Amino acid sequence: MSSVDFIGNCIEKVNEYAIEHLDKSDEIPNFDVYVVWYSKTLQNHKALLSTSLSDGMYYECTYNGDKKELYFDAYKKFENKCFKIGD
């Protein structure tokens, strides 16, 4: 699988997941899905993605090139803290 195909599949899966988990009584808003980070090693790919929705979700997609499988994880951001370390 090429990098372009992998990223396209990830964006499609995130978009589908986000729409499925919206409040059913609301209209589907316009939103973007974007890649935060991406890496490819040998035949494997991994990407972290998010959306422009204010739901605090982020997503991890991993492609196992040996098994031709795409793994999808959805996470909820609960908190963001800053810690000063050192001088």
C-alpha atoms as a PDB file:
ATOM      1  CA  MET A   1       0.000   0.000   0.000  1.00  0.00           C
ATOM      2  CA  SER A   2       1.357   3.428  -0.884  1.00  0.00           C
ATOM      3  CA  SER A   3       1.560   6.272   1.624  1.00  0.00           C
ATOM      4  CA  VAL A   4      -1.088   8.207  -0.310  1.00  0.00           C
ATOM      5  CA  ASP A   5      -3.468   5.214  -0.239  1.00  0.00           C
ATOM      6  CA  PHE A   6      -2.848   4.667   3.482  1.00  0.00           C
ATOM      7  CA  ILE A   7      -3.507   8.314   4.397  1.00  0.00           C
ATOM      8  CA  GLY A   8      -6.648   8.313   2.213  1.00  0.00           C
ATOM      9  CA  ASN A   9      -7.952   5.185   3.957  1.00  0.00           C
ATOM     10  CA  CYS A  10      -7.229   6.685   7.382  1.00  0.00           C
ATOM     11  CA  ILE A  11      -9.018   9.949   6.577  1.00  0.00           C
ATOM     12  CA  GLU A  12     -12.013   7.979   5.270  1.00  0.00           C
ATOM     13  CA  LYS A  13     -12.200   5.808   8.414  1.00  0.00           C
ATOM     14  CA  VAL A  14     -11.879   8.806  10.766  1.00  0.00           C
ATOM     15  CA  ASN A  15     -14.551  10.701   8.828  1.00  0.00           C
ATOM     16  CA  GLU A  16     -16.940   7.711   8.987  1.00  0.00           C
ATOM     17  CA  TYR A  17     -16.290   7.195  12.708  1.00  0.00           C
ATOM     18  CA  ALA A  18     -16.783  10.866  13.562  1.00  0.00           C
ATOM     19  CA  ILE A  19     -20.084  11.053  11.656  1.00  0.00           C
ATOM     20  CA  GLU A  20     -21.343   7.809  13.261  1.00  0.00           C
ATOM     21  CA  HIS A  21     -20.658   9.227  16.744  1.00  0.00           C
ATOM     22  CA  LEU A  22     -22.268  12.649  16.315  1.00  0.00           C
ATOM     23  CA  ASP A  23     -25.499  13.440  18.125  1.00  0.00           C
ATOM     24  CA  LYS A  24     -28.187  11.994  15.843  1.00  0.00           C
ATOM     25  CA  SER A  25     -30.504  14.956  16.453  1.00  0.00           C
ATOM     26  CA  ASP A  26     -27.982  17.470  15.039  1.00  0.00           C
ATOM     27  CA  GLU A  27     -27.147  18.204  11.423  1.00  0.00           C
ATOM     28  CA  ILE A  28     -23.812  16.837  10.256  1.00  0.00           C
ATOM     29  CA  PRO A  29     -21.416  19.798  10.458  1.00  0.00           C
ATOM     30  CA  ASN A  30     -18.685  20.550   7.950  1.00  0.00           C
ATOM     31  CA  PHE A  31     -15.387  19.421   9.418  1.00  0.00           C
ATOM     32  CA  ASP A  32     -11.898  18.554   8.307  1.00  0.00           C
ATOM     33  CA  VAL A  33      -9.859  15.444   9.051  1.00  0.00           C
ATOM     34  CA  TYR A  34      -6.137  16.068   9.172  1.00  0.00           C
ATOM     35  CA  VAL A  35      -2.932  14.133   9.791  1.00  0.00           C
ATOM     36  CA  VAL A  36      -0.972  15.178  12.881  1.00  0.00           C
ATOM     37  CA  TRP A  37       1.886  12.697  12.434  1.00  0.00           C
ATOM     38  CA  TYR A  38       2.795   9.941   9.985  1.00  0.00           C
ATOM     39  CA  SER A  39       5.539   7.319   9.691  1.00  0.00           C
ATOM     40  CA  LYS A  40       6.314   4.429   7.364  1.00  0.00           C
ATOM     41  CA  THR A  41       8.758   1.658   8.173  1.00  0.00           C
ATOM     42  CA  LEU A  42       9.262  -1.121   5.642  1.00  0.00           C
ATOM     43  CA  GLN A  43       5.749  -2.289   4.669  1.00  0.00           C
ATOM     44  CA  ASN A  44       4.055  -0.795   7.761  1.00  0.00           C
ATOM     45  CA  HIS A  45       2.400   2.609   8.225  1.00  0.00           C
ATOM     46  CA  LYS A  46       1.212   4.555  11.285  1.00  0.00           C
ATOM     47  CA  ALA A  47      -0.628   7.869  11.481  1.00  0.00           C
ATOM     48  CA  LEU A  48      -2.161  10.049  14.186  1.00  0.00           C
ATOM     49  CA  LEU A  49      -5.155  12.059  12.995  1.00  0.00           C
ATOM     50  CA  SER A  50      -7.700  14.504  14.357  1.00  0.00           C
ATOM     51  CA  THR A  51     -10.652  16.564  13.157  1.00  0.00           C
ATOM     52  CA  SER A  52     -11.697  20.198  13.367  1.00  0.00           C
ATOM     53  CA  LEU A  53     -14.642  19.133  15.576  1.00  0.00           C
ATOM     54  CA  SER A  54     -14.410  20.346  19.177  1.00  0.00           C
ATOM     55  CA  ASP A  55     -14.936  16.859  20.628  1.00  0.00           C
ATOM     56  CA  GLY A  56     -11.361  16.309  21.863  1.00  0.00           C
ATOM     57  CA  MET A  57     -10.946  13.079  19.897  1.00  0.00           C
ATOM     58  CA  TYR A  58      -7.830  11.845  18.179  1.00  0.00           C
ATOM     59  CA  TYR A  59      -7.246   8.711  16.169  1.00  0.00           C
ATOM     60  CA  GLU A  60      -4.442   6.256  15.508  1.00  0.00           C
ATOM     61  CA  CYS A  61      -4.324   4.149  12.338  1.00  0.00           C
ATOM     62  CA  THR A  62      -1.759   1.395  11.887  1.00  0.00           C
ATOM     63  CA  TYR A  63      -1.343  -0.714   8.757  1.00  0.00           C
ATOM     64  CA  ASN A  64       0.264  -4.133   9.157  1.00  0.00           C
ATOM     65  CA  GLY A  65       1.755  -4.803   5.732  1.00  0.00           C
ATOM     66  CA  ASP A  66       2.424  -8.473   6.503  1.00  0.00           C
ATOM     67  CA  LYS A  67      -1.218  -9.230   7.301  1.00  0.00           C
ATOM     68  CA  LYS A  68      -2.740  -6.501   5.076  1.00  0.00           C
ATOM     69  CA  GLU A  69      -4.759  -5.243   8.069  1.00  0.00           C
ATOM     70  CA  LEU A  70      -5.626  -1.689   9.149  1.00  0.00           C
ATOM     71  CA  TYR A  71      -5.999  -1.138  12.907  1.00  0.00           C
ATOM     72  CA  PHE A  72      -8.030   1.852  14.120  1.00  0.00           C
ATOM     73  CA  ASP A  73      -7.998   3.331  17.634  1.00  0.00           C
ATOM     74  CA  ALA A  74     -10.088   6.284  18.844  1.00  0.00           C
ATOM     75  CA  TYR A  75      -9.015   8.296  21.888  1.00  0.00           C
ATOM     76  CA  LYS A  76     -10.561  11.107  23.904  1.00  0.00           C
ATOM     77  CA  LYS A  77      -8.376  13.930  25.150  1.00  0.00           C
ATOM     78  CA  PHE A  78      -9.197  14.597  28.790  1.00  0.00           C
ATOM     79  CA  GLU A  79      -6.549  17.092  29.784  1.00  0.00           C
ATOM     80  CA  ASN A  80      -3.577  19.071  28.551  1.00  0.00           C
ATOM     81  CA  LYS A  81      -0.952  20.140  31.111  1.00  0.00           C
ATOM     82  CA  CYS A  82       2.365  21.906  30.839  1.00  0.00           C
ATOM     83  CA  PHE A  83       5.247  21.041  33.167  1.00  0.00           C
ATOM     84  CA  LYS A  84       8.400  23.170  33.382  1.00  0.00           C
ATOM     85  CA  ILE A  85      11.463  20.945  33.551  1.00  0.00           C
ATOM     86  CA  GLY A  86      14.988  22.148  34.107  1.00  0.00           C
ATOM     87  CA  ASP A  87      16.223  25.753  34.042  1.00  0.00           C
END
